[in-house]
Amino acid sequence: MTHRLSLGLAASTLALLSAVPALAEDLRIYGWAGEMPDEVLADFEAETGIDVTFDTFDSNESMIAKLDAGGSGYDLVNPSQYAVQILINRGKLVELDHSKIETYDKIGPTFQNVSYDPGNKYSIPYVWGTTGLAYNKTCVDAPITSWKSLFDEKYKGRIYMLDNMLAAYIAGLQVNGFSANTSDPAEIEKATETLIAQKPLLAGYNSTNFADLVSSGEACIVQSWSSSVLQAIVDNPDVVYVLPEEGGTMWIDGYSILTDAPNPDAAYKFLSYILRPEVAAKTTELTKTATVVPDSMPLLPAEIGENPAVFPDEATIANADFILDLGDAMKFYQDGWTKVKAAP
């Protein structure tokens, strides 16, 4: 009797278990704030059944520090070009199997063999942009064309710099005629002195709502990432974005799979998904960030696809620096930045 009861219970248990759906896969991503729309994540979840957790960071340096601490539990990370080099050197990224990325061939030729990761072995480029200037035409007396405007007394109290070490040094170096990629301690020190001297002119360092401030006219001129200011340009025709005559910089943000990723298969599915032209177009339309997928261009509205703030032409970006891993010289930047932030 007991034996038959056990069999009956076992059969009932099996029946119950068979009625329970298999647990969904999980995917954990650590990415830039503002570059991956919630709508795209929701669409991916609905199509694949994979549950996505998307945590954000606001600088490559904070992202690298979190990964260095170990045990992050993330599958995918979203580094910029120089951060890819750093993470490769620290053994944090797997060499990618492109055959598992079904849409790899959708990446434009310009982005299929980038200098910081030849052959895209460790990172898949996804979005790109520039670092330059945005200004409000109502509070300047002539078109802004140079970093020098960020150091002009007549705009005192109405200037914002990005609250980001390397971004600030781009202006501090290039306004002195130096490359934004310099590793020369003397040039870095000169840029540090320039940024310290600038401090009394600033309304502040701001990497969050600077686009709103320049749109409202509270700020006249702001250092800006191209992707962050486009909505302000669309909403307010008085807002203008330019790459300064000194060059500015170009940047690329991509996705990489971590060596300790709990679910690399789900990571490959995500990479395949976000490179679809229609998905890349949706991302660009929602985030105002340029895509690396040329086939998505016909799907974009003209105010984005034909907007030089989003897609500058080759001549415009030819003079822009491309920030790469600065190696041991990073210490000079970090020491200088500490002095800048401590200055009155």
C-alpha atoms as a PDB file:
ATOM      1  CA  MET A   1       0.000   0.000   0.000  1.00  0.00           C
ATOM      2  CA  THR A   2       2.729   2.395   0.969  1.00  0.00           C
ATOM      3  CA  HIS A   3       4.593   1.580  -2.221  1.00  0.00           C
ATOM      4  CA  ARG A   4       1.545   2.237  -4.406  1.00  0.00           C
ATOM      5  CA  LEU A   5       0.938   5.519  -2.556  1.00  0.00           C
ATOM      6  CA  SER A   6       4.526   6.571  -3.229  1.00  0.00           C
ATOM      7  CA  LEU A   7       4.107   5.792  -6.904  1.00  0.00           C
ATOM      8  CA  GLY A   8       0.904   7.774  -6.983  1.00  0.00           C
ATOM      9  CA  LEU A   9       2.516  10.740  -5.305  1.00  0.00           C
ATOM     10  CA  ALA A  10       5.469  10.528  -7.655  1.00  0.00           C
ATOM     11  CA  ALA A  11       3.160  10.484 -10.669  1.00  0.00           C
ATOM     12  CA  SER A  12       1.254  13.465  -9.353  1.00  0.00           C
ATOM     13  CA  THR A  13       4.487  15.337  -8.680  1.00  0.00           C
ATOM     14  CA  LEU A  14       5.756  14.637 -12.190  1.00  0.00           C
ATOM     15  CA  ALA A  15       2.501  15.835 -13.662  1.00  0.00           C
ATOM     16  CA  LEU A  16       2.738  19.050 -11.705  1.00  0.00           C
ATOM     17  CA  LEU A  17       6.366  19.598 -12.694  1.00  0.00           C
ATOM     18  CA  SER A  18       5.590  19.027 -16.363  1.00  0.00           C
ATOM     19  CA  ALA A  19       2.955  21.764 -16.168  1.00  0.00           C
ATOM     20  CA  VAL A  20       5.492  24.305 -14.846  1.00  0.00           C
ATOM     21  CA  PRO A  21       7.232  26.231 -17.660  1.00  0.00           C
ATOM     22  CA  ALA A  22      11.003  26.087 -17.822  1.00  0.00           C
ATOM     23  CA  LEU A  23      12.739  28.905 -15.994  1.00  0.00           C
ATOM     24  CA  ALA A  24      13.533  31.823 -18.271  1.00  0.00           C
ATOM     25  CA  GLU A  25      17.135  32.661 -19.053  1.00  0.00           C
ATOM     26  CA  ASP A  26      18.642  35.670 -17.364  1.00  0.00           C
ATOM     27  CA  LEU A  27      20.893  38.275 -18.951  1.00  0.00           C
ATOM     28  CA  ARG A  28      22.692  40.908 -16.917  1.00  0.00           C
ATOM     29  CA  ILE A  29      24.124  43.954 -18.691  1.00  0.00           C
ATOM     30  CA  TYR A  30      26.224  46.839 -17.379  1.00  0.00           C
ATOM     31  CA  GLY A  31      25.858  49.742 -19.796  1.00  0.00           C
ATOM     32  CA  TRP A  32      26.029  53.460 -20.375  1.00  0.00           C
ATOM     33  CA  ALA A  33      23.079  55.427 -19.032  1.00  0.00           C
ATOM     34  CA  GLY A  34      20.869  56.714 -21.847  1.00  0.00           C
ATOM     35  CA  GLU A  35      22.157  54.546 -24.694  1.00  0.00           C
ATOM     36  CA  MET A  36      19.836  51.534 -24.525  1.00  0.00           C
ATOM     37  CA  PRO A  37      16.085  52.269 -24.568  1.00  0.00           C
ATOM     38  CA  ASP A  38      13.825  50.368 -22.197  1.00  0.00           C
ATOM     39  CA  GLU A  39      11.550  49.707 -25.186  1.00  0.00           C
ATOM     40  CA  VAL A  40      14.314  47.800 -27.002  1.00  0.00           C
ATOM     41  CA  LEU A  41      15.022  45.723 -23.885  1.00  0.00           C
ATOM     42  CA  ALA A  42      11.310  44.955 -23.480  1.00  0.00           C
ATOM     43  CA  ASP A  43      11.029  43.912 -27.136  1.00  0.00           C
ATOM     44  CA  PHE A  44      14.009  41.574 -26.725  1.00  0.00           C
ATOM     45  CA  GLU A  45      12.509  40.020 -23.604  1.00  0.00           C
ATOM     46  CA  ALA A  46       9.147  39.508 -25.330  1.00  0.00           C
ATOM     47  CA  GLU A  47      10.736  37.848 -28.355  1.00  0.00           C
ATOM     48  CA  THR A  48      13.228  35.603 -26.559  1.00  0.00           C
ATOM     49  CA  GLY A  49      11.809  35.007 -23.090  1.00  0.00           C
ATOM     50  CA  ILE A  50      15.137  36.126 -21.642  1.00  0.00           C
ATOM     51  CA  ASP A  51      14.851  38.332 -18.551  1.00  0.00           C
ATOM     52  CA  VAL A  52      17.193  41.322 -18.793  1.00  0.00           C
ATOM     53  CA  THR A  53      18.680  43.294 -15.933  1.00  0.00           C
ATOM     54  CA  PHE A  54      20.304  46.477 -17.243  1.00  0.00           C
ATOM     55  CA  ASP A  55      22.371  48.433 -14.729  1.00  0.00           C
ATOM     56  CA  THR A  56      23.982  51.720 -15.748  1.00  0.00           C
ATOM     57  CA  PHE A  57      27.245  53.586 -15.210  1.00  0.00           C
ATOM     58  CA  ASP A  58      28.211  57.175 -15.994  1.00  0.00           C
ATOM     59  CA  SER A  59      31.918  56.786 -16.761  1.00  0.00           C
ATOM     60  CA  ASN A  60      34.274  54.129 -18.095  1.00  0.00           C
ATOM     61  CA  GLU A  61      36.387  54.568 -14.986  1.00  0.00           C
ATOM     62  CA  SER A  62      33.562  53.660 -12.584  1.00  0.00           C
ATOM     63  CA  MET A  63      32.646  50.685 -14.775  1.00  0.00           C
ATOM     64  CA  ILE A  64      36.247  49.408 -14.822  1.00  0.00           C
ATOM     65  CA  ALA A  65      36.541  49.804 -11.043  1.00  0.00           C
ATOM     66  CA  LYS A  66      33.395  47.720 -10.501  1.00  0.00           C
ATOM     67  CA  LEU A  67      34.680  44.950 -12.759  1.00  0.00           C
ATOM     68  CA  ASP A  68      38.104  45.041 -11.087  1.00  0.00           C
ATOM     69  CA  ALA A  69      36.402  44.386  -7.751  1.00  0.00           C
ATOM     70  CA  GLY A  70      35.316  40.997  -9.163  1.00  0.00           C
ATOM     71  CA  GLY A  71      32.157  38.932  -8.995  1.00  0.00           C
ATOM     72  CA  SER A  72      29.999  41.452 -10.847  1.00  0.00           C
ATOM     73  CA  GLY A  73      27.681  38.777 -12.220  1.00  0.00           C
ATOM     74  CA  TYR A  74      27.298  40.633 -15.521  1.00  0.00           C
ATOM     75  CA  ASP A  75      27.269  38.943 -18.912  1.00  0.00           C
ATOM     76  CA  LEU A  76      27.719  41.995 -21.130  1.00  0.00           C
ATOM     77  CA  VAL A  77      29.485  45.283 -20.587  1.00  0.00           C
ATOM     78  CA  ASN A  78      29.348  48.465 -22.698  1.00  0.00           C
ATOM     79  CA  PRO A  79      32.857  50.036 -22.832  1.00  0.00           C
ATOM     80  CA  SER A  80      34.123  52.903 -24.974  1.00  0.00           C
ATOM     81  CA  GLN A  81      37.141  52.334 -27.192  1.00  0.00           C
ATOM     82  CA  TYR A  82      39.983  52.994 -24.720  1.00  0.00           C
ATOM     83  CA  ALA A  83      38.151  51.051 -22.012  1.00  0.00           C
ATOM     84  CA  VAL A  84      37.999  48.042 -24.366  1.00  0.00           C
ATOM     85  CA  GLN A  85      41.807  48.130 -24.528  1.00  0.00           C
ATOM     86  CA  ILE A  86      42.106  48.333 -20.746  1.00  0.00           C
ATOM     87  CA  LEU A  87      39.696  45.441 -20.184  1.00  0.00           C
ATOM     88  CA  ILE A  88      41.463  43.297 -22.795  1.00  0.00           C
ATOM     89  CA  ASN A  89      44.782  43.879 -21.061  1.00  0.00           C
ATOM     90  CA  ARG A  90      43.248  42.925 -17.709  1.00  0.00           C
ATOM     91  CA  GLY A  91      41.812  39.678 -19.087  1.00  0.00           C
ATOM     92  CA  LYS A  92      38.192  40.709 -18.519  1.00  0.00           C
ATOM     93  CA  LEU A  93      36.788  40.064 -22.014  1.00  0.00           C
ATOM     94  CA  VAL A  94      36.313  36.874 -24.029  1.00  0.00           C
ATOM     95  CA  GLU A  95      37.398  36.623 -27.637  1.00  0.00           C
ATOM     96  CA  LEU A  96      34.128  36.709 -29.536  1.00  0.00           C
ATOM     97  CA  ASP A  97      32.831  34.022 -31.855  1.00  0.00           C
ATOM     98  CA  HIS A  98      31.377  36.098 -34.681  1.00  0.00           C
ATOM     99  CA  SER A  99      29.554  33.057 -36.077  1.00  0.00           C
ATOM    100  CA  LYS A 100      27.268  33.264 -33.047  1.00  0.00           C
ATOM    101  CA  ILE A 101      26.306  36.857 -33.903  1.00  0.00           C
ATOM    102  CA  GLU A 102      23.804  36.324 -36.701  1.00  0.00           C
ATOM    103  CA  THR A 103      23.768  39.983 -37.760  1.00  0.00           C
ATOM    104  CA  TYR A 104      27.491  40.704 -37.508  1.00  0.00           C
ATOM    105  CA  ASP A 105      27.615  41.528 -41.230  1.00  0.00           C
ATOM    106  CA  LYS A 106      25.245  44.454 -40.612  1.00  0.00           C
ATOM    107  CA  ILE A 107      28.068  46.457 -39.004  1.00  0.00           C
ATOM    108  CA  GLY A 108      29.327  49.123 -41.416  1.00  0.00           C
ATOM    109  CA  PRO A 109      32.790  48.638 -42.990  1.00  0.00           C
ATOM    110  CA  THR A 110      34.198  51.635 -41.091  1.00  0.00           C
ATOM    111  CA  PHE A 111      33.455  49.879 -37.804  1.00  0.00           C
ATOM    112  CA  GLN A 112      34.482  46.323 -38.704  1.00  0.00           C
ATOM    113  CA  ASN A 113      38.188  46.850 -38.123  1.00  0.00           C
ATOM    114  CA  VAL A 114      38.604  49.554 -35.506  1.00  0.00           C
ATOM    115  CA  SER A 115      42.091  50.528 -34.358  1.00  0.00           C
ATOM    116  CA  TYR A 116      41.522  49.793 -30.669  1.00  0.00           C
ATOM    117  CA  ASP A 117      40.309  46.228 -31.335  1.00  0.00           C
ATOM    118  CA  PRO A 118      41.404  44.997 -34.780  1.00  0.00           C
ATOM    119  CA  GLY A 119      38.854  42.626 -36.262  1.00  0.00           C
ATOM    120  CA  ASN A 120      36.412  43.365 -33.402  1.00  0.00           C
ATOM    121  CA  LYS A 121      37.833  40.371 -31.555  1.00  0.00           C
ATOM    122  CA  TYR A 122      36.625  41.510 -28.142  1.00  0.00           C
ATOM    123  CA  SER A 123      33.994  44.176 -28.721  1.00  0.00           C
ATOM    124  CA  ILE A 124      31.088  44.807 -31.071  1.00  0.00           C
ATOM    125  CA  PRO A 125      30.753  48.534 -31.938  1.00  0.00           C
ATOM    126  CA  TYR A 126      27.186  49.688 -31.517  1.00  0.00           C
ATOM    127  CA  VAL A 127      26.829  53.468 -31.268  1.00  0.00           C
ATOM    128  CA  TRP A 128      29.180  56.367 -31.825  1.00  0.00           C
ATOM    129  CA  GLY A 129      29.353  60.106 -31.499  1.00  0.00           C
ATOM    130  CA  THR A 130      31.566  63.090 -30.835  1.00  0.00           C
ATOM    131  CA  THR A 131      32.587  65.367 -27.980  1.00  0.00           C
ATOM    132  CA  GLY A 132      32.237  69.050 -28.776  1.00  0.00           C
ATOM    133  CA  LEU A 133      30.292  72.188 -27.889  1.00  0.00           C
ATOM    134  CA  ALA A 134      26.650  73.162 -27.680  1.00  0.00           C
ATOM    135  CA  TYR A 135      25.516  76.760 -27.377  1.00  0.00           C
ATOM    136  CA  ASN A 136      22.371  78.850 -27.350  1.00  0.00           C
ATOM    137  CA  LYS A 137      22.311  81.405 -30.174  1.00  0.00           C
ATOM    138  CA  THR A 138      20.305  83.876 -28.084  1.00  0.00           C
ATOM    139  CA  CYS A 139      23.156  84.568 -25.666  1.00  0.00           C
ATOM    140  CA  VAL A 140      26.216  84.628 -27.926  1.00  0.00           C
ATOM    141  CA  ASP A 141      27.121  87.439 -30.309  1.00  0.00           C
ATOM    142  CA  ALA A 142      28.690  85.231 -33.015  1.00  0.00           C
ATOM    143  CA  PRO A 143      28.736  81.532 -33.943  1.00  0.00           C
ATOM    144  CA  ILE A 144      30.880  79.488 -31.561  1.00  0.00           C
ATOM    145  CA  THR A 145      33.683  77.611 -33.302  1.00  0.00           C
ATOM    146  CA  SER A 146      36.392  77.029 -30.703  1.00  0.00           C
ATOM    147  CA  TRP A 147      37.044  75.552 -27.264  1.00  0.00           C
ATOM    148  CA  LYS A 148      38.233  79.074 -26.399  1.00  0.00           C
ATOM    149  CA  SER A 149      34.619  80.057 -25.764  1.00  0.00           C
ATOM    150  CA  LEU A 150      34.651  77.830 -22.664  1.00  0.00           C
ATOM    151  CA  PHE A 151      37.419  80.022 -21.272  1.00  0.00           C
ATOM    152  CA  ASP A 152      35.904  83.409 -22.213  1.00  0.00           C
ATOM    153  CA  GLU A 153      35.254  85.854 -19.345  1.00  0.00           C
ATOM    154  CA  LYS A 154      32.151  87.286 -21.020  1.00  0.00           C
ATOM    155  CA  TYR A 155      30.297  84.000 -20.463  1.00  0.00           C
ATOM    156  CA  LYS A 156      31.291  83.735 -16.799  1.00  0.00           C
ATOM    157  CA  GLY A 157      28.706  81.836 -14.764  1.00  0.00           C
ATOM    158  CA  ARG A 158      26.972  80.486 -17.869  1.00  0.00           C
ATOM    159  CA  ILE A 159      29.481  77.819 -18.898  1.00  0.00           C
ATOM    160  CA  TYR A 160      29.318  74.122 -18.026  1.00  0.00           C
ATOM    161  CA  MET A 161      31.980  71.488 -18.536  1.00  0.00           C
ATOM    162  CA  LEU A 162      31.271  67.766 -18.634  1.00  0.00           C
ATOM    163  CA  ASP A 163      31.833  66.178 -15.229  1.00  0.00           C
ATOM    164  CA  ASN A 164      34.161  63.613 -16.744  1.00  0.00           C
ATOM    165  CA  MET A 165      37.937  63.589 -16.427  1.00  0.00           C
ATOM    166  CA  LEU A 166      38.963  62.716 -19.967  1.00  0.00           C
ATOM    167  CA  ALA A 167      36.232  64.861 -21.508  1.00  0.00           C
ATOM    168  CA  ALA A 168      37.432  67.904 -19.567  1.00  0.00           C
ATOM    169  CA  TYR A 169      41.024  67.233 -20.574  1.00  0.00           C
ATOM    170  CA  ILE A 170      40.011  67.066 -24.243  1.00  0.00           C
ATOM    171  CA  ALA A 171      39.217  70.780 -24.075  1.00  0.00           C
ATOM    172  CA  GLY A 172      42.085  71.619 -21.742  1.00  0.00           C
ATOM    173  CA  LEU A 173      44.611  69.953 -24.033  1.00  0.00           C
ATOM    174  CA  GLN A 174      43.274  70.918 -27.451  1.00  0.00           C
ATOM    175  CA  VAL A 175      42.815  74.588 -26.524  1.00  0.00           C
ATOM    176  CA  ASN A 176      46.578  74.593 -25.872  1.00  0.00           C
ATOM    177  CA  GLY A 177      47.320  72.966 -29.222  1.00  0.00           C
ATOM    178  CA  PHE A 178      47.991  69.490 -27.791  1.00  0.00           C
ATOM    179  CA  SER A 179      46.534  66.131 -28.790  1.00  0.00           C
ATOM    180  CA  ALA A 180      43.743  64.820 -26.581  1.00  0.00           C
ATOM    181  CA  ASN A 181      45.731  61.554 -26.554  1.00  0.00           C
ATOM    182  CA  THR A 182      48.948  63.010 -25.185  1.00  0.00           C
ATOM    183  CA  SER A 183      50.985  61.099 -22.620  1.00  0.00           C
ATOM    184  CA  ASP A 184      53.453  63.969 -22.136  1.00  0.00           C
ATOM    185  CA  PRO A 185      53.444  64.952 -18.428  1.00  0.00           C
ATOM    186  CA  ALA A 186      54.301  68.573 -19.247  1.00  0.00           C
ATOM    187  CA  GLU A 187      51.357  68.902 -21.651  1.00  0.00           C
ATOM    188  CA  ILE A 188      49.003  67.269 -19.165  1.00  0.00           C
ATOM    189  CA  GLU A 189      50.234  69.654 -16.462  1.00  0.00           C
ATOM    190  CA  LYS A 190      49.628  72.632 -18.738  1.00  0.00           C
ATOM    191  CA  ALA A 191      46.082  71.412 -19.384  1.00  0.00           C
ATOM    192  CA  THR A 192      45.589  70.986 -15.631  1.00  0.00           C
ATOM    193  CA  GLU A 193      46.647  74.605 -15.063  1.00  0.00           C
ATOM    194  CA  THR A 194      44.273  75.725 -17.814  1.00  0.00           C
ATOM    195  CA  LEU A 195      41.326  73.872 -16.253  1.00  0.00           C
ATOM    196  CA  ILE A 196      42.120  75.245 -12.799  1.00  0.00           C
ATOM    197  CA  ALA A 197      42.246  78.779 -14.195  1.00  0.00           C
ATOM    198  CA  GLN A 198      38.875  78.152 -15.851  1.00  0.00           C
ATOM    199  CA  LYS A 199      37.089  77.118 -12.642  1.00  0.00           C
ATOM    200  CA  PRO A 200      35.978  80.650 -11.577  1.00  0.00           C
ATOM    201  CA  LEU A 201      34.220  81.062 -14.942  1.00  0.00           C
ATOM    202  CA  LEU A 202      32.129  77.926 -14.626  1.00  0.00           C
ATOM    203  CA  ALA A 203      28.582  77.487 -13.448  1.00  0.00           C
ATOM    204  CA  GLY A 204      29.700  73.930 -12.764  1.00  0.00           C
ATOM    205  CA  TYR A 205      30.679  70.496 -14.026  1.00  0.00           C
ATOM    206  CA  ASN A 206      27.617  68.671 -15.312  1.00  0.00           C
ATOM    207  CA  SER A 207      27.138  65.402 -17.199  1.00  0.00           C
ATOM    208  CA  THR A 208      23.404  65.020 -16.619  1.00  0.00           C
ATOM    209  CA  ASN A 209      21.087  67.910 -17.565  1.00  0.00           C
ATOM    210  CA  PHE A 210      23.489  70.260 -19.374  1.00  0.00           C
ATOM    211  CA  ALA A 211      21.380  69.974 -22.554  1.00  0.00           C
ATOM    212  CA  ASP A 212      18.334  71.301 -20.696  1.00  0.00           C
ATOM    213  CA  LEU A 213      20.395  74.145 -19.264  1.00  0.00           C
ATOM    214  CA  VAL A 214      21.665  75.302 -22.647  1.00  0.00           C
ATOM    215  CA  SER A 215      18.197  74.959 -24.161  1.00  0.00           C
ATOM    216  CA  SER A 216      16.614  77.135 -21.462  1.00  0.00           C
ATOM    217  CA  GLY A 217      19.360  79.730 -21.819  1.00  0.00           C
ATOM    218  CA  GLU A 218      20.505  79.308 -18.234  1.00  0.00           C
ATOM    219  CA  ALA A 219      23.762  78.153 -19.821  1.00  0.00           C
ATOM    220  CA  CYS A 220      25.183  79.893 -22.871  1.00  0.00           C
ATOM    221  CA  ILE A 221      27.815  77.308 -23.750  1.00  0.00           C
ATOM    222  CA  VAL A 222      28.331  73.721 -22.602  1.00  0.00           C
ATOM    223  CA  GLN A 223      30.826  71.034 -23.369  1.00  0.00           C
ATOM    224  CA  SER A 224      28.700  68.222 -24.739  1.00  0.00           C
ATOM    225  CA  TRP A 225      28.462  64.736 -26.118  1.00  0.00           C
ATOM    226  CA  SER A 226      26.653  64.853 -29.456  1.00  0.00           C
ATOM    227  CA  SER A 227      24.117  62.217 -28.432  1.00  0.00           C
ATOM    228  CA  SER A 228      23.103  64.089 -25.286  1.00  0.00           C
ATOM    229  CA  VAL A 229      22.080  67.349 -26.922  1.00  0.00           C
ATOM    230  CA  LEU A 230      20.119  66.309 -30.006  1.00  0.00           C
ATOM    231  CA  GLN A 231      16.707  66.377 -28.345  1.00  0.00           C
ATOM    232  CA  ALA A 232      17.396  69.939 -27.233  1.00  0.00           C
ATOM    233  CA  ILE A 233      18.287  70.818 -30.833  1.00  0.00           C
ATOM    234  CA  VAL A 234      15.067  69.239 -32.116  1.00  0.00           C
ATOM    235  CA  ASP A 235      12.997  71.087 -29.492  1.00  0.00           C
ATOM    236  CA  ASN A 236      14.782  74.436 -29.689  1.00  0.00           C
ATOM    237  CA  PRO A 237      16.236  75.759 -32.967  1.00  0.00           C
ATOM    238  CA  ASP A 238      18.405  78.196 -30.985  1.00  0.00           C
ATOM    239  CA  VAL A 239      20.569  75.309 -29.743  1.00  0.00           C
ATOM    240  CA  VAL A 240      23.568  74.480 -31.945  1.00  0.00           C
ATOM    241  CA  TYR A 241      26.098  71.666 -31.639  1.00  0.00           C
ATOM    242  CA  VAL A 242      29.568  71.929 -33.211  1.00  0.00           C
ATOM    243  CA  LEU A 243      32.882  70.172 -33.214  1.00  0.00           C
ATOM    244  CA  PRO A 244      35.422  72.867 -32.307  1.00  0.00           C
ATOM    245  CA  GLU A 245      38.050  73.926 -34.811  1.00  0.00           C
ATOM    246  CA  GLU A 246      40.681  72.364 -32.533  1.00  0.00           C
ATOM    247  CA  GLY A 247      39.166  68.959 -33.321  1.00  0.00           C
ATOM    248  CA  GLY A 248      37.070  67.610 -30.488  1.00  0.00           C
ATOM    249  CA  THR A 249      36.921  63.819 -30.348  1.00  0.00           C
ATOM    250  CA  MET A 250      35.078  60.850 -31.786  1.00  0.00           C
ATOM    251  CA  TRP A 251      34.022  57.951 -29.558  1.00  0.00           C
ATOM    252  CA  ILE A 252      32.544  54.475 -30.042  1.00  0.00           C
ATOM    253  CA  ASP A 253      30.599  52.515 -27.428  1.00  0.00           C
ATOM    254  CA  GLY A 254      30.215  48.784 -27.980  1.00  0.00           C
ATOM    255  CA  TYR A 255      29.347  45.553 -26.214  1.00  0.00           C
ATOM    256  CA  SER A 256      31.702  42.884 -24.901  1.00  0.00           C
ATOM    257  CA  ILE A 257      31.131  39.548 -23.161  1.00  0.00           C
ATOM    258  CA  LEU A 258      32.892  39.178 -19.831  1.00  0.00           C
ATOM    259  CA  THR A 259      35.160  36.184 -19.178  1.00  0.00           C
ATOM    260  CA  ASP A 260      33.095  35.244 -16.114  1.00  0.00           C
ATOM    261  CA  ALA A 261      29.716  35.793 -17.823  1.00  0.00           C
ATOM    262  CA  PRO A 262      27.112  33.439 -16.274  1.00  0.00           C
ATOM    263  CA  ASN A 263      25.097  33.267 -19.516  1.00  0.00           C
ATOM    264  CA  PRO A 264      27.182  33.920 -22.644  1.00  0.00           C
ATOM    265  CA  ASP A 265      24.593  32.250 -24.897  1.00  0.00           C
ATOM    266  CA  ALA A 266      22.012  34.871 -23.939  1.00  0.00           C
ATOM    267  CA  ALA A 267      24.666  37.544 -24.496  1.00  0.00           C
ATOM    268  CA  TYR A 268      25.199  36.354 -28.080  1.00  0.00           C
ATOM    269  CA  LYS A 269      21.451  36.414 -28.677  1.00  0.00           C
ATOM    270  CA  PHE A 270      21.348  40.010 -27.468  1.00  0.00           C
ATOM    271  CA  LEU A 271      24.223  41.036 -29.734  1.00  0.00           C
ATOM    272  CA  SER A 272      22.465  39.436 -32.699  1.00  0.00           C
ATOM    273  CA  TYR A 273      19.259  41.273 -31.823  1.00  0.00           C
ATOM    274  CA  ILE A 274      20.590  44.813 -31.388  1.00  0.00           C
ATOM    275  CA  LEU A 275      22.409  44.744 -34.755  1.00  0.00           C
ATOM    276  CA  ARG A 276      19.201  44.179 -36.699  1.00  0.00           C
ATOM    277  CA  PRO A 277      18.625  47.299 -38.826  1.00  0.00           C
ATOM    278  CA  GLU A 278      15.131  47.913 -37.480  1.00  0.00           C
ATOM    279  CA  VAL A 279      16.342  47.568 -33.878  1.00  0.00           C
ATOM    280  CA  ALA A 280      19.378  49.785 -34.483  1.00  0.00           C
ATOM    281  CA  ALA A 281      17.084  52.392 -36.073  1.00  0.00           C
ATOM    282  CA  LYS A 282      14.740  52.291 -33.084  1.00  0.00           C
ATOM    283  CA  THR A 283      17.696  52.754 -30.729  1.00  0.00           C
ATOM    284  CA  THR A 284      19.003  55.734 -32.694  1.00  0.00           C
ATOM    285  CA  GLU A 285      15.556  57.314 -32.921  1.00  0.00           C
ATOM    286  CA  LEU A 286      14.934  56.953 -29.188  1.00  0.00           C
ATOM    287  CA  THR A 287      18.415  57.841 -27.917  1.00  0.00           C
ATOM    288  CA  LYS A 288      19.549  60.240 -30.665  1.00  0.00           C
ATOM    289  CA  THR A 289      22.839  58.323 -30.843  1.00  0.00           C
ATOM    290  CA  ALA A 290      24.439  57.380 -34.172  1.00  0.00           C
ATOM    291  CA  THR A 291      24.300  53.712 -35.127  1.00  0.00           C
ATOM    292  CA  VAL A 292      27.041  51.634 -36.771  1.00  0.00           C
ATOM    293  CA  VAL A 293      24.429  49.804 -38.884  1.00  0.00           C
ATOM    294  CA  PRO A 294      24.155  51.495 -42.328  1.00  0.00           C
ATOM    295  CA  ASP A 295      21.035  49.519 -43.284  1.00  0.00           C
ATOM    296  CA  SER A 296      19.152  51.318 -40.515  1.00  0.00           C
ATOM    297  CA  MET A 297      19.634  54.749 -42.090  1.00  0.00           C
ATOM    298  CA  PRO A 298      16.633  54.573 -44.500  1.00  0.00           C
ATOM    299  CA  LEU A 299      14.441  53.707 -41.512  1.00  0.00           C
ATOM    300  CA  LEU A 300      15.287  56.899 -39.614  1.00  0.00           C
ATOM    301  CA  PRO A 301      13.277  60.135 -39.735  1.00  0.00           C
ATOM    302  CA  ALA A 302      15.050  62.870 -41.707  1.00  0.00           C
ATOM    303  CA  GLU A 303      15.515  65.115 -38.657  1.00  0.00           C
ATOM    304  CA  ILE A 304      17.802  62.435 -37.231  1.00  0.00           C
ATOM    305  CA  GLY A 305      19.286  60.633 -40.229  1.00  0.00           C
ATOM    306  CA  GLU A 306      20.184  63.896 -41.962  1.00  0.00           C
ATOM    307  CA  ASN A 307      21.204  65.785 -38.827  1.00  0.00           C
ATOM    308  CA  PRO A 308      24.948  66.610 -38.799  1.00  0.00           C
ATOM    309  CA  ALA A 309      24.929  66.694 -34.993  1.00  0.00           C
ATOM    310  CA  VAL A 310      24.165  62.952 -35.077  1.00  0.00           C
ATOM    311  CA  PHE A 311      25.904  61.909 -38.286  1.00  0.00           C
ATOM    312  CA  PRO A 312      28.714  64.405 -39.027  1.00  0.00           C
ATOM    313  CA  ASP A 313      30.347  64.055 -42.414  1.00  0.00           C
ATOM    314  CA  GLU A 314      33.848  62.679 -42.923  1.00  0.00           C
ATOM    315  CA  ALA A 315      35.350  66.148 -43.383  1.00  0.00           C
ATOM    316  CA  THR A 316      33.962  67.305 -40.045  1.00  0.00           C
ATOM    317  CA  ILE A 317      35.372  64.410 -38.043  1.00  0.00           C
ATOM    318  CA  ALA A 318      38.671  64.158 -39.931  1.00  0.00           C
ATOM    319  CA  ASN A 319      40.330  66.495 -37.425  1.00  0.00           C
ATOM    320  CA  ALA A 320      38.823  64.837 -34.340  1.00  0.00           C
ATOM    321  CA  ASP A 321      41.039  62.864 -31.970  1.00  0.00           C
ATOM    322  CA  PHE A 322      40.150  59.280 -31.087  1.00  0.00           C
ATOM    323  CA  ILE A 323      40.805  58.579 -27.401  1.00  0.00           C
ATOM    324  CA  LEU A 324      42.760  55.363 -26.851  1.00  0.00           C
ATOM    325  CA  ASP A 325      44.252  53.702 -23.765  1.00  0.00           C
ATOM    326  CA  LEU A 326      46.705  56.183 -22.237  1.00  0.00           C
ATOM    327  CA  GLY A 327      48.462  53.502 -20.182  1.00  0.00           C
ATOM    328  CA  ASP A 328      50.798  54.733 -17.448  1.00  0.00           C
ATOM    329  CA  ALA A 329      50.062  58.355 -18.382  1.00  0.00           C
ATOM    330  CA  MET A 330      46.592  57.946 -16.857  1.00  0.00           C
ATOM    331  CA  LYS A 331      48.180  58.625 -13.455  1.00  0.00           C
ATOM    332  CA  PHE A 332      49.081  62.159 -14.562  1.00  0.00           C
ATOM    333  CA  TYR A 333      45.482  62.756 -15.619  1.00  0.00           C
ATOM    334  CA  GLN A 334      44.103  61.381 -12.371  1.00  0.00           C
ATOM    335  CA  ASP A 335      46.471  63.452 -10.241  1.00  0.00           C
ATOM    336  CA  GLY A 336      45.682  66.550 -12.298  1.00  0.00           C
ATOM    337  CA  TRP A 337      41.939  65.959 -12.106  1.00  0.00           C
ATOM    338  CA  THR A 338      42.153  65.729  -8.319  1.00  0.00           C
ATOM    339  CA  LYS A 339      43.779  69.181  -8.329  1.00  0.00           C
ATOM    340  CA  VAL A 340      41.156  70.579 -10.714  1.00  0.00           C
ATOM    341  CA  LYS A 341      38.211  69.349  -8.656  1.00  0.00           C
ATOM    342  CA  ALA A 342      39.785  70.641  -5.439  1.00  0.00           C
ATOM    343  CA  ALA A 343      40.471  74.107  -6.872  1.00  0.00           C
ATOM    344  CA  PRO A 344      38.166  76.963  -5.803  1.00  0.00           C
END
